[in-house]
């Protein structure tokens, strides 16, 4: 029988995308920081529209996003509640029932990048409260590697580079906790 261990804390990450991303990020950032604590990393604007037109009718054209990291580490079990919270934030900023900003939470652990989803699929595990978790990337031999089911944007080097920078920040945070 295996011994039950306390899971590692993880680094909360969100991918925030919208048309006019700089405007919408400036609007949503104070709400995110109020609810999840200070943001300690913000990527440059990342193209999102070239990967899918799924959101264009609701959110408009020219979708771009930012990957952000939060200073405070979280427990992995919090992911379902965080996804519910980000869904409510999206509704706060909706106009005539249409989202203007999409906020996809996940986390980085030193071995993986995990995303939350409201959609079931064969590669997702149910967390509770209508939320699933997907291991989107795994960290193997010094780099994030995607899998067959990984979303196209997370297959790209530019996205992985930002996630690796966030992972480095996470490792520094972990070392501080372990030293205590």
N, C-alpha and C. Protein backbone atom coordinates (compact mmCIF):
# COMPACT_ATOMS: atom_id res chain seq x y z
N UNK A 1 0.85 -1.18 0.00
CA UNK A 1 0.00 0.00 0.00
C UNK A 1 0.89 1.24 0.00
N UNK A 2 0.58 2.17 -0.87
CA UNK A 2 1.34 3.42 -0.94
C UNK A 2 0.99 4.33 0.22
N UNK A 3 1.96 5.13 0.58
CA UNK A 3 1.76 6.10 1.65
C UNK A 3 1.17 7.38 1.08
N UNK A 4 0.12 7.87 1.72
CA UNK A 4 -0.51 9.11 1.26
C UNK A 4 0.38 10.29 1.62
N UNK A 5 0.62 11.14 0.62
CA UNK A 5 1.48 12.31 0.81
C UNK A 5 0.70 13.58 0.47
N UNK A 6 1.12 14.66 1.04
CA UNK A 6 0.52 15.96 0.71
C UNK A 6 1.01 16.39 -0.66
N UNK A 7 0.11 16.78 -1.56
CA UNK A 7 0.55 17.21 -2.89
C UNK A 7 1.32 18.52 -2.84
N UNK A 8 2.18 18.71 -3.80
CA UNK A 8 2.92 19.96 -3.92
C UNK A 8 1.96 21.10 -4.20
N UNK A 9 2.32 22.28 -3.71
CA UNK A 9 1.63 23.49 -4.14
C UNK A 9 1.99 23.73 -5.61
N UNK A 10 1.13 24.42 -6.32
CA UNK A 10 1.33 24.67 -7.74
C UNK A 10 1.17 26.16 -8.03
N UNK A 11 1.60 26.56 -9.20
CA UNK A 11 1.56 27.97 -9.61
C UNK A 11 0.32 28.22 -10.47
N UNK A 12 -0.59 29.06 -9.98
CA UNK A 12 -1.77 29.42 -10.75
C UNK A 12 -1.37 30.21 -11.98
N UNK A 13 -1.90 29.79 -13.12
CA UNK A 13 -1.64 30.42 -14.42
C UNK A 13 -2.99 30.64 -15.09
N UNK A 14 -3.12 31.73 -15.83
CA UNK A 14 -4.33 31.95 -16.62
C UNK A 14 -3.93 32.43 -18.01
N UNK A 15 -4.69 31.96 -18.99
CA UNK A 15 -4.58 32.49 -20.33
C UNK A 15 -5.82 33.34 -20.54
N UNK A 16 -5.61 34.62 -20.77
CA UNK A 16 -6.69 35.59 -20.91
C UNK A 16 -6.68 36.07 -22.35
N UNK A 17 -7.81 35.89 -23.05
CA UNK A 17 -7.83 36.34 -24.43
C UNK A 17 -9.10 37.11 -24.76
N UNK A 18 -8.95 38.01 -25.75
CA UNK A 18 -10.03 38.89 -26.14
C UNK A 18 -9.64 39.62 -27.42
N UNK A 19 -10.61 40.22 -28.07
CA UNK A 19 -10.31 41.25 -29.06
C UNK A 19 -9.92 42.48 -28.24
N UNK A 20 -9.00 43.27 -28.70
CA UNK A 20 -8.55 44.44 -27.94
C UNK A 20 -8.02 43.99 -26.57
N UNK A 21 -7.10 43.04 -26.59
CA UNK A 21 -6.62 42.41 -25.35
C UNK A 21 -6.05 43.41 -24.36
N UNK A 22 -5.34 44.42 -24.81
CA UNK A 22 -4.74 45.36 -23.85
C UNK A 22 -5.81 46.08 -23.05
N UNK A 23 -6.88 46.49 -23.71
CA UNK A 23 -7.98 47.14 -23.00
C UNK A 23 -8.63 46.17 -22.01
N UNK A 24 -9.03 45.00 -22.48
CA UNK A 24 -9.76 44.07 -21.61
C UNK A 24 -8.89 43.56 -20.48
N UNK A 25 -7.59 43.36 -20.74
CA UNK A 25 -6.71 42.92 -19.66
C UNK A 25 -6.61 44.00 -18.59
N UNK A 26 -6.54 45.28 -19.01
CA UNK A 26 -6.47 46.36 -18.01
C UNK A 26 -7.75 46.43 -17.18
N UNK A 27 -8.87 46.03 -17.75
CA UNK A 27 -10.14 46.01 -17.03
C UNK A 27 -10.24 44.84 -16.06
N UNK A 28 -9.81 43.68 -16.49
CA UNK A 28 -10.00 42.46 -15.70
C UNK A 28 -8.88 42.24 -14.68
N UNK A 29 -7.71 42.78 -14.93
CA UNK A 29 -6.58 42.53 -14.03
C UNK A 29 -6.87 42.90 -12.57
N UNK A 30 -7.44 44.07 -12.27
CA UNK A 30 -7.71 44.39 -10.86
C UNK A 30 -8.65 43.39 -10.18
N UNK A 31 -9.61 42.88 -10.93
CA UNK A 31 -10.53 41.89 -10.36
C UNK A 31 -9.80 40.58 -10.09
N UNK A 32 -8.97 40.16 -11.03
CA UNK A 32 -8.20 38.93 -10.85
C UNK A 32 -7.27 39.05 -9.64
N UNK A 33 -6.59 40.20 -9.52
CA UNK A 33 -5.65 40.37 -8.41
C UNK A 33 -6.38 40.47 -7.08
N UNK A 34 -7.56 41.03 -7.09
CA UNK A 34 -8.34 41.10 -5.85
C UNK A 34 -8.72 39.69 -5.38
N UNK A 35 -9.03 38.82 -6.32
CA UNK A 35 -9.51 37.48 -5.97
C UNK A 35 -8.41 36.44 -5.83
N UNK A 36 -7.31 36.60 -6.58
CA UNK A 36 -6.28 35.56 -6.60
C UNK A 36 -4.90 36.05 -6.17
N UNK A 37 -4.78 37.33 -5.82
CA UNK A 37 -3.50 37.88 -5.39
C UNK A 37 -2.73 38.49 -6.54
N UNK A 38 -1.56 39.05 -6.22
CA UNK A 38 -0.76 39.76 -7.23
C UNK A 38 -0.33 38.87 -8.40
N UNK A 39 -0.33 39.47 -9.57
CA UNK A 39 0.20 38.82 -10.77
C UNK A 39 1.70 39.09 -10.79
N UNK A 40 2.48 38.05 -11.04
CA UNK A 40 3.94 38.24 -11.05
C UNK A 40 4.58 38.00 -12.42
N UNK A 41 3.76 37.69 -13.43
CA UNK A 41 4.29 37.53 -14.79
C UNK A 41 3.16 37.78 -15.78
N UNK A 42 3.47 38.56 -16.81
CA UNK A 42 2.52 38.81 -17.90
C UNK A 42 3.30 38.66 -19.20
N UNK A 43 2.83 37.79 -20.07
CA UNK A 43 3.49 37.61 -21.37
C UNK A 43 3.18 38.80 -22.28
N UNK A 44 3.90 38.88 -23.36
CA UNK A 44 3.53 39.80 -24.43
C UNK A 44 2.22 39.28 -25.05
N UNK A 45 1.63 40.04 -25.95
CA UNK A 45 0.41 39.60 -26.62
C UNK A 45 0.73 38.41 -27.52
N UNK A 46 -0.09 37.37 -27.37
CA UNK A 46 0.08 36.15 -28.15
C UNK A 46 -1.08 35.99 -29.11
N UNK A 47 -0.78 35.66 -30.35
CA UNK A 47 -1.84 35.44 -31.33
C UNK A 47 -2.67 34.24 -30.88
N UNK A 48 -3.96 34.36 -30.95
CA UNK A 48 -4.84 33.24 -30.61
C UNK A 48 -5.76 32.91 -31.78
N UNK A 49 -6.16 33.91 -32.53
CA UNK A 49 -7.13 33.72 -33.60
C UNK A 49 -6.64 32.76 -34.68
N UNK A 50 -5.33 32.70 -34.89
CA UNK A 50 -4.84 31.81 -35.96
C UNK A 50 -5.05 30.34 -35.64
N UNK A 51 -5.38 30.02 -34.38
CA UNK A 51 -5.57 28.62 -33.98
C UNK A 51 -7.02 28.17 -34.06
N UNK A 52 -7.96 29.10 -33.93
CA UNK A 52 -9.37 28.74 -33.96
C UNK A 52 -10.22 29.99 -34.20
N UNK A 53 -11.32 29.77 -34.90
CA UNK A 53 -12.31 30.83 -35.09
C UNK A 53 -13.55 30.56 -34.22
N UNK A 54 -13.46 29.57 -33.37
CA UNK A 54 -14.58 29.14 -32.52
C UNK A 54 -15.19 30.29 -31.72
N UNK A 55 -14.37 31.19 -31.22
CA UNK A 55 -14.83 32.27 -30.33
C UNK A 55 -15.17 33.56 -31.07
N UNK A 56 -14.87 33.64 -32.36
CA UNK A 56 -14.97 34.90 -33.10
C UNK A 56 -16.38 35.48 -33.14
N UNK A 57 -17.37 34.64 -33.34
CA UNK A 57 -18.74 35.16 -33.42
C UNK A 57 -19.15 35.82 -32.11
N UNK A 58 -18.80 35.20 -31.00
CA UNK A 58 -19.16 35.76 -29.69
C UNK A 58 -18.27 36.92 -29.28
N UNK A 59 -16.96 36.80 -29.52
CA UNK A 59 -16.00 37.73 -28.94
C UNK A 59 -15.40 38.72 -29.93
N UNK A 60 -15.63 38.53 -31.22
CA UNK A 60 -15.09 39.45 -32.20
C UNK A 60 -13.85 38.92 -32.87
N UNK A 61 -13.29 39.74 -33.74
CA UNK A 61 -12.13 39.38 -34.55
C UNK A 61 -10.83 39.83 -33.87
N UNK A 62 -9.73 39.28 -34.34
CA UNK A 62 -8.41 39.71 -33.86
C UNK A 62 -8.10 39.26 -32.45
N UNK A 63 -8.52 38.04 -32.09
CA UNK A 63 -8.30 37.56 -30.73
C UNK A 63 -6.81 37.36 -30.43
N UNK A 64 -6.40 37.96 -29.33
CA UNK A 64 -5.04 37.79 -28.82
C UNK A 64 -5.16 37.50 -27.33
N UNK A 65 -4.08 36.96 -26.78
CA UNK A 65 -4.13 36.63 -25.36
C UNK A 65 -2.83 36.92 -24.65
N UNK A 66 -2.90 36.78 -23.33
CA UNK A 66 -1.74 36.93 -22.47
C UNK A 66 -1.73 35.76 -21.49
N UNK A 67 -0.56 35.18 -21.29
CA UNK A 67 -0.38 34.20 -20.23
C UNK A 67 0.07 34.95 -18.99
N UNK A 68 -0.59 34.71 -17.87
CA UNK A 68 -0.23 35.38 -16.63
C UNK A 68 -0.02 34.35 -15.53
N UNK A 69 0.83 34.72 -14.60
CA UNK A 69 1.14 33.89 -13.44
C UNK A 69 0.84 34.69 -12.18
N UNK A 70 0.41 33.98 -11.16
CA UNK A 70 0.12 34.63 -9.89
C UNK A 70 1.21 34.30 -8.88
N UNK A 71 1.50 35.29 -8.06
CA UNK A 71 2.58 35.19 -7.07
C UNK A 71 2.33 34.07 -6.05
N UNK A 72 1.11 34.01 -5.55
CA UNK A 72 0.77 33.06 -4.49
C UNK A 72 0.53 31.66 -5.07
N UNK A 73 1.17 30.67 -4.47
CA UNK A 73 0.95 29.29 -4.89
C UNK A 73 -0.38 28.78 -4.33
N UNK A 74 -0.95 27.81 -5.01
CA UNK A 74 -2.24 27.26 -4.62
C UNK A 74 -2.13 25.74 -4.45
N UNK A 75 -3.15 25.15 -3.85
CA UNK A 75 -3.28 23.70 -3.81
C UNK A 75 -3.97 23.26 -5.11
N UNK A 76 -3.56 22.15 -5.71
CA UNK A 76 -4.18 21.71 -6.96
C UNK A 76 -5.70 21.51 -6.85
N UNK A 77 -6.18 21.10 -5.68
CA UNK A 77 -7.62 20.86 -5.54
C UNK A 77 -8.45 22.14 -5.69
N UNK A 78 -7.83 23.30 -5.65
CA UNK A 78 -8.55 24.56 -5.79
C UNK A 78 -8.95 24.87 -7.23
N UNK A 79 -8.43 24.11 -8.19
CA UNK A 79 -8.63 24.44 -9.59
C UNK A 79 -10.10 24.52 -9.99
N UNK A 80 -10.93 23.60 -9.50
CA UNK A 80 -12.36 23.62 -9.86
C UNK A 80 -13.01 24.92 -9.38
N UNK A 81 -12.75 25.32 -8.14
CA UNK A 81 -13.34 26.55 -7.62
C UNK A 81 -12.82 27.78 -8.38
N UNK A 82 -11.56 27.75 -8.74
CA UNK A 82 -10.98 28.87 -9.49
C UNK A 82 -11.64 28.98 -10.87
N UNK A 83 -11.88 27.86 -11.52
CA UNK A 83 -12.55 27.88 -12.83
C UNK A 83 -13.96 28.45 -12.70
N UNK A 84 -14.67 28.07 -11.66
CA UNK A 84 -16.01 28.63 -11.44
C UNK A 84 -15.93 30.14 -11.22
N UNK A 85 -14.92 30.57 -10.50
CA UNK A 85 -14.73 32.00 -10.23
C UNK A 85 -14.40 32.77 -11.51
N UNK A 86 -13.52 32.20 -12.35
CA UNK A 86 -13.18 32.90 -13.59
C UNK A 86 -14.38 32.93 -14.54
N UNK A 87 -15.21 31.89 -14.52
CA UNK A 87 -16.44 31.94 -15.32
C UNK A 87 -17.33 33.08 -14.86
N UNK A 88 -17.43 33.30 -13.55
CA UNK A 88 -18.27 34.40 -13.06
C UNK A 88 -17.66 35.76 -13.42
N UNK A 89 -16.34 35.86 -13.44
CA UNK A 89 -15.69 37.11 -13.85
C UNK A 89 -15.97 37.38 -15.33
N UNK A 90 -15.90 36.34 -16.16
CA UNK A 90 -16.23 36.51 -17.59
C UNK A 90 -17.64 37.08 -17.74
N UNK A 91 -18.58 36.58 -16.96
CA UNK A 91 -19.96 37.07 -17.03
C UNK A 91 -20.06 38.52 -16.59
N UNK A 92 -19.25 38.92 -15.61
CA UNK A 92 -19.24 40.32 -15.15
C UNK A 92 -18.93 41.29 -16.29
N UNK A 93 -18.05 40.87 -17.19
CA UNK A 93 -17.59 41.73 -18.27
C UNK A 93 -18.33 41.49 -19.59
N UNK A 94 -19.29 40.58 -19.58
CA UNK A 94 -20.06 40.29 -20.80
C UNK A 94 -20.92 41.50 -21.19
N UNK A 95 -21.16 41.64 -22.46
CA UNK A 95 -22.00 42.71 -22.99
C UNK A 95 -23.13 42.04 -23.77
N UNK A 96 -24.36 42.32 -23.36
CA UNK A 96 -25.54 41.72 -23.98
C UNK A 96 -25.41 40.20 -24.06
N UNK A 97 -24.91 39.61 -22.98
CA UNK A 97 -24.82 38.16 -22.89
C UNK A 97 -23.65 37.53 -23.62
N UNK A 98 -22.82 38.35 -24.27
CA UNK A 98 -21.66 37.82 -24.99
C UNK A 98 -20.39 38.16 -24.24
N UNK A 99 -19.54 37.14 -24.09
CA UNK A 99 -18.26 37.38 -23.42
C UNK A 99 -17.39 38.30 -24.25
N UNK A 100 -16.71 39.19 -23.55
CA UNK A 100 -15.72 40.06 -24.19
C UNK A 100 -14.32 39.63 -23.83
N UNK A 101 -14.21 38.84 -22.77
CA UNK A 101 -12.92 38.33 -22.32
C UNK A 101 -13.11 36.89 -21.87
N UNK A 102 -12.14 36.05 -22.21
CA UNK A 102 -12.16 34.65 -21.81
C UNK A 102 -10.97 34.43 -20.89
N UNK A 103 -11.20 33.76 -19.78
CA UNK A 103 -10.16 33.54 -18.78
C UNK A 103 -10.06 32.04 -18.52
N UNK A 104 -8.97 31.44 -18.98
CA UNK A 104 -8.77 30.00 -18.81
C UNK A 104 -7.71 29.74 -17.75
N UNK A 105 -8.14 29.27 -16.56
CA UNK A 105 -7.17 28.99 -15.50
C UNK A 105 -6.56 27.60 -15.62
N UNK A 106 -5.38 27.51 -15.07
CA UNK A 106 -4.68 26.23 -14.98
C UNK A 106 -3.57 26.39 -13.97
N UNK A 107 -2.67 25.43 -13.97
CA UNK A 107 -1.52 25.57 -13.07
C UNK A 107 -0.29 24.89 -13.65
N UNK A 108 0.83 25.36 -13.15
CA UNK A 108 2.12 24.75 -13.47
C UNK A 108 2.65 24.08 -12.22
N UNK A 109 3.04 22.84 -12.41
CA UNK A 109 3.78 22.05 -11.44
C UNK A 109 5.11 21.77 -12.13
N UNK A 110 6.12 21.37 -11.41
CA UNK A 110 7.39 21.19 -12.11
C UNK A 110 7.34 20.08 -13.16
N UNK A 111 6.31 19.23 -13.12
CA UNK A 111 6.22 18.13 -14.08
C UNK A 111 5.17 18.33 -15.17
N UNK A 112 4.32 19.38 -15.04
CA UNK A 112 3.20 19.47 -15.96
C UNK A 112 2.56 20.85 -15.99
N UNK A 113 1.78 21.07 -17.04
CA UNK A 113 0.92 22.23 -17.16
C UNK A 113 -0.49 21.68 -17.31
N UNK A 114 -1.38 22.06 -16.39
CA UNK A 114 -2.74 21.53 -16.32
C UNK A 114 -3.72 22.67 -16.56
N UNK A 115 -4.76 22.41 -17.37
CA UNK A 115 -5.82 23.38 -17.61
C UNK A 115 -7.15 22.88 -17.06
N UNK A 116 -8.00 23.80 -16.65
CA UNK A 116 -9.36 23.48 -16.22
C UNK A 116 -10.30 23.63 -17.41
N UNK A 117 -11.36 22.84 -17.41
CA UNK A 117 -12.34 22.91 -18.49
C UNK A 117 -13.72 22.54 -17.96
N UNK A 118 -14.74 23.07 -18.62
CA UNK A 118 -16.11 22.67 -18.30
C UNK A 118 -16.54 21.52 -19.23
N UNK A 119 -15.69 21.17 -20.17
CA UNK A 119 -16.05 20.16 -21.16
C UNK A 119 -15.37 18.82 -20.87
N UNK A 120 -16.16 17.77 -20.89
CA UNK A 120 -15.61 16.42 -20.74
C UNK A 120 -14.97 15.97 -22.05
N UNK A 121 -13.93 15.24 -21.94
CA UNK A 121 -13.29 14.58 -23.07
C UNK A 121 -12.54 13.39 -22.51
N UNK A 122 -12.14 12.48 -23.36
CA UNK A 122 -11.50 11.24 -22.91
C UNK A 122 -10.21 11.44 -22.12
N UNK A 123 -9.54 12.54 -22.35
CA UNK A 123 -8.26 12.80 -21.68
C UNK A 123 -8.41 13.70 -20.45
N UNK A 124 -9.63 13.97 -20.03
CA UNK A 124 -9.86 14.87 -18.90
C UNK A 124 -10.42 14.11 -17.70
N UNK A 125 -10.03 14.56 -16.53
CA UNK A 125 -10.46 13.93 -15.29
C UNK A 125 -11.40 14.87 -14.56
N UNK A 126 -12.50 14.32 -14.10
CA UNK A 126 -13.51 15.12 -13.40
C UNK A 126 -13.00 15.51 -12.01
N UNK A 127 -13.05 16.81 -11.72
CA UNK A 127 -12.62 17.32 -10.42
C UNK A 127 -13.79 17.52 -9.47
N UNK A 128 -14.97 17.74 -10.02
CA UNK A 128 -16.15 18.07 -9.23
C UNK A 128 -16.70 19.41 -9.67
N UNK A 129 -17.94 19.67 -9.27
CA UNK A 129 -18.60 20.96 -9.54
C UNK A 129 -18.70 21.28 -11.03
N UNK A 130 -18.71 20.24 -11.87
CA UNK A 130 -18.82 20.44 -13.31
C UNK A 130 -17.51 20.78 -14.01
N UNK A 131 -16.40 20.62 -13.34
CA UNK A 131 -15.09 21.03 -13.87
C UNK A 131 -14.17 19.81 -14.04
N UNK A 132 -13.44 19.82 -15.14
CA UNK A 132 -12.49 18.76 -15.47
C UNK A 132 -11.07 19.35 -15.51
N UNK A 133 -10.09 18.49 -15.34
CA UNK A 133 -8.68 18.89 -15.46
C UNK A 133 -8.05 18.14 -16.62
N UNK A 134 -7.20 18.85 -17.36
CA UNK A 134 -6.50 18.26 -18.49
C UNK A 134 -5.01 18.51 -18.34
N UNK A 135 -4.22 17.45 -18.37
CA UNK A 135 -2.77 17.63 -18.45
C UNK A 135 -2.49 18.01 -19.90
N UNK A 136 -2.15 19.27 -20.10
CA UNK A 136 -1.98 19.82 -21.44
C UNK A 136 -0.55 19.64 -21.95
N UNK A 137 0.42 19.85 -21.07
CA UNK A 137 1.84 19.66 -21.40
C UNK A 137 2.51 18.92 -20.26
N UNK A 138 3.52 18.14 -20.59
CA UNK A 138 4.35 17.50 -19.56
C UNK A 138 5.78 18.01 -19.71
N UNK A 139 6.48 18.12 -18.60
CA UNK A 139 7.85 18.61 -18.63
C UNK A 139 8.79 17.40 -18.59
N UNK A 140 9.48 17.17 -19.71
CA UNK A 140 10.34 16.01 -19.86
C UNK A 140 11.66 16.44 -20.47
N UNK A 141 12.76 16.00 -19.87
CA UNK A 141 14.10 16.26 -20.41
C UNK A 141 14.33 17.74 -20.73
N UNK A 142 13.92 18.60 -19.79
CA UNK A 142 14.24 20.01 -19.89
C UNK A 142 13.33 20.85 -20.75
N UNK A 143 12.14 20.33 -21.12
CA UNK A 143 11.23 21.13 -21.93
C UNK A 143 9.79 20.65 -21.77
N UNK A 144 8.87 21.57 -22.05
CA UNK A 144 7.47 21.18 -22.10
C UNK A 144 7.20 20.46 -23.41
N UNK A 145 6.50 19.34 -23.31
CA UNK A 145 6.14 18.57 -24.50
C UNK A 145 4.63 18.42 -24.57
N UNK A 146 4.13 18.57 -25.77
CA UNK A 146 2.68 18.44 -25.95
C UNK A 146 2.33 16.99 -26.30
N UNK A 147 1.04 16.74 -26.28
CA UNK A 147 0.52 15.43 -26.60
C UNK A 147 -0.45 15.55 -27.77
N UNK A 148 -0.95 14.44 -28.21
CA UNK A 148 -1.85 14.41 -29.37
C UNK A 148 -3.05 15.33 -29.19
N UNK A 149 -3.57 15.43 -27.98
CA UNK A 149 -4.80 16.18 -27.72
C UNK A 149 -4.55 17.63 -27.28
N UNK A 150 -3.31 18.04 -27.17
CA UNK A 150 -2.99 19.39 -26.72
C UNK A 150 -3.54 20.43 -27.70
N UNK A 151 -4.15 21.48 -27.15
CA UNK A 151 -4.65 22.57 -27.99
C UNK A 151 -3.53 23.11 -28.87
N UNK A 152 -3.85 23.54 -30.11
CA UNK A 152 -2.80 23.99 -31.04
C UNK A 152 -1.92 25.13 -30.51
N UNK A 153 -2.51 26.09 -29.80
CA UNK A 153 -1.68 27.20 -29.33
C UNK A 153 -0.62 26.73 -28.33
N UNK A 154 -0.95 25.75 -27.50
CA UNK A 154 0.03 25.26 -26.51
C UNK A 154 1.06 24.32 -27.12
N UNK A 155 0.93 24.01 -28.39
CA UNK A 155 1.95 23.24 -29.10
C UNK A 155 3.08 24.15 -29.59
N UNK A 156 2.79 25.43 -29.66
CA UNK A 156 3.72 26.41 -30.23
C UNK A 156 4.85 26.77 -29.27
N UNK A 157 6.03 26.96 -29.84
CA UNK A 157 7.22 27.31 -29.06
C UNK A 157 7.01 28.59 -28.26
N UNK A 158 6.35 29.58 -28.84
CA UNK A 158 6.17 30.87 -28.16
C UNK A 158 5.39 30.70 -26.86
N UNK A 159 4.33 29.92 -26.88
CA UNK A 159 3.54 29.67 -25.67
C UNK A 159 4.37 28.87 -24.66
N UNK A 160 5.05 27.85 -25.15
CA UNK A 160 5.87 27.01 -24.26
C UNK A 160 6.98 27.83 -23.60
N UNK A 161 7.56 28.76 -24.34
CA UNK A 161 8.64 29.60 -23.77
C UNK A 161 8.12 30.41 -22.59
N UNK A 162 6.94 30.98 -22.71
CA UNK A 162 6.37 31.73 -21.59
C UNK A 162 6.06 30.80 -20.42
N UNK A 163 5.53 29.64 -20.71
CA UNK A 163 5.23 28.69 -19.64
C UNK A 163 6.51 28.21 -18.95
N UNK A 164 7.59 28.09 -19.70
CA UNK A 164 8.86 27.72 -19.08
C UNK A 164 9.40 28.83 -18.19
N UNK A 165 9.18 30.08 -18.59
CA UNK A 165 9.57 31.20 -17.72
C UNK A 165 8.75 31.18 -16.43
N UNK A 166 7.46 30.91 -16.55
CA UNK A 166 6.62 30.82 -15.36
C UNK A 166 7.06 29.63 -14.50
N UNK A 167 7.41 28.54 -15.13
CA UNK A 167 7.91 27.37 -14.39
C UNK A 167 9.16 27.71 -13.59
N UNK A 168 10.06 28.49 -14.18
CA UNK A 168 11.28 28.90 -13.46
C UNK A 168 10.93 29.73 -12.23
N UNK A 169 9.98 30.63 -12.36
CA UNK A 169 9.51 31.42 -11.21
C UNK A 169 8.93 30.48 -10.14
N UNK A 170 8.14 29.53 -10.60
CA UNK A 170 7.53 28.57 -9.69
C UNK A 170 8.60 27.80 -8.90
N UNK A 171 9.63 27.35 -9.58
CA UNK A 171 10.68 26.59 -8.90
C UNK A 171 11.36 27.44 -7.82
N UNK A 172 11.55 28.73 -8.08
CA UNK A 172 12.13 29.63 -7.07
C UNK A 172 11.19 29.76 -5.87
N UNK A 173 9.90 29.87 -6.13
CA UNK A 173 8.92 29.95 -5.04
C UNK A 173 8.93 28.67 -4.21
N UNK A 174 9.00 27.54 -4.88
CA UNK A 174 9.03 26.23 -4.17
C UNK A 174 10.26 26.13 -3.27
N UNK A 175 11.41 26.58 -3.80
CA UNK A 175 12.64 26.50 -3.00
C UNK A 175 12.51 27.33 -1.73
N UNK A 176 11.87 28.50 -1.81
CA UNK A 176 11.66 29.34 -0.63
C UNK A 176 10.80 28.62 0.41
N UNK A 177 9.77 27.93 -0.05
CA UNK A 177 8.88 27.21 0.85
C UNK A 177 9.61 26.04 1.51
N UNK A 178 10.37 25.31 0.73
CA UNK A 178 11.09 24.15 1.25
C UNK A 178 12.12 24.55 2.28
N UNK A 179 12.77 25.71 2.10
CA UNK A 179 13.79 26.19 3.05
C UNK A 179 13.19 26.56 4.40
N UNK A 180 11.90 26.93 4.41
CA UNK A 180 11.26 27.36 5.66
C UNK A 180 11.05 26.24 6.63
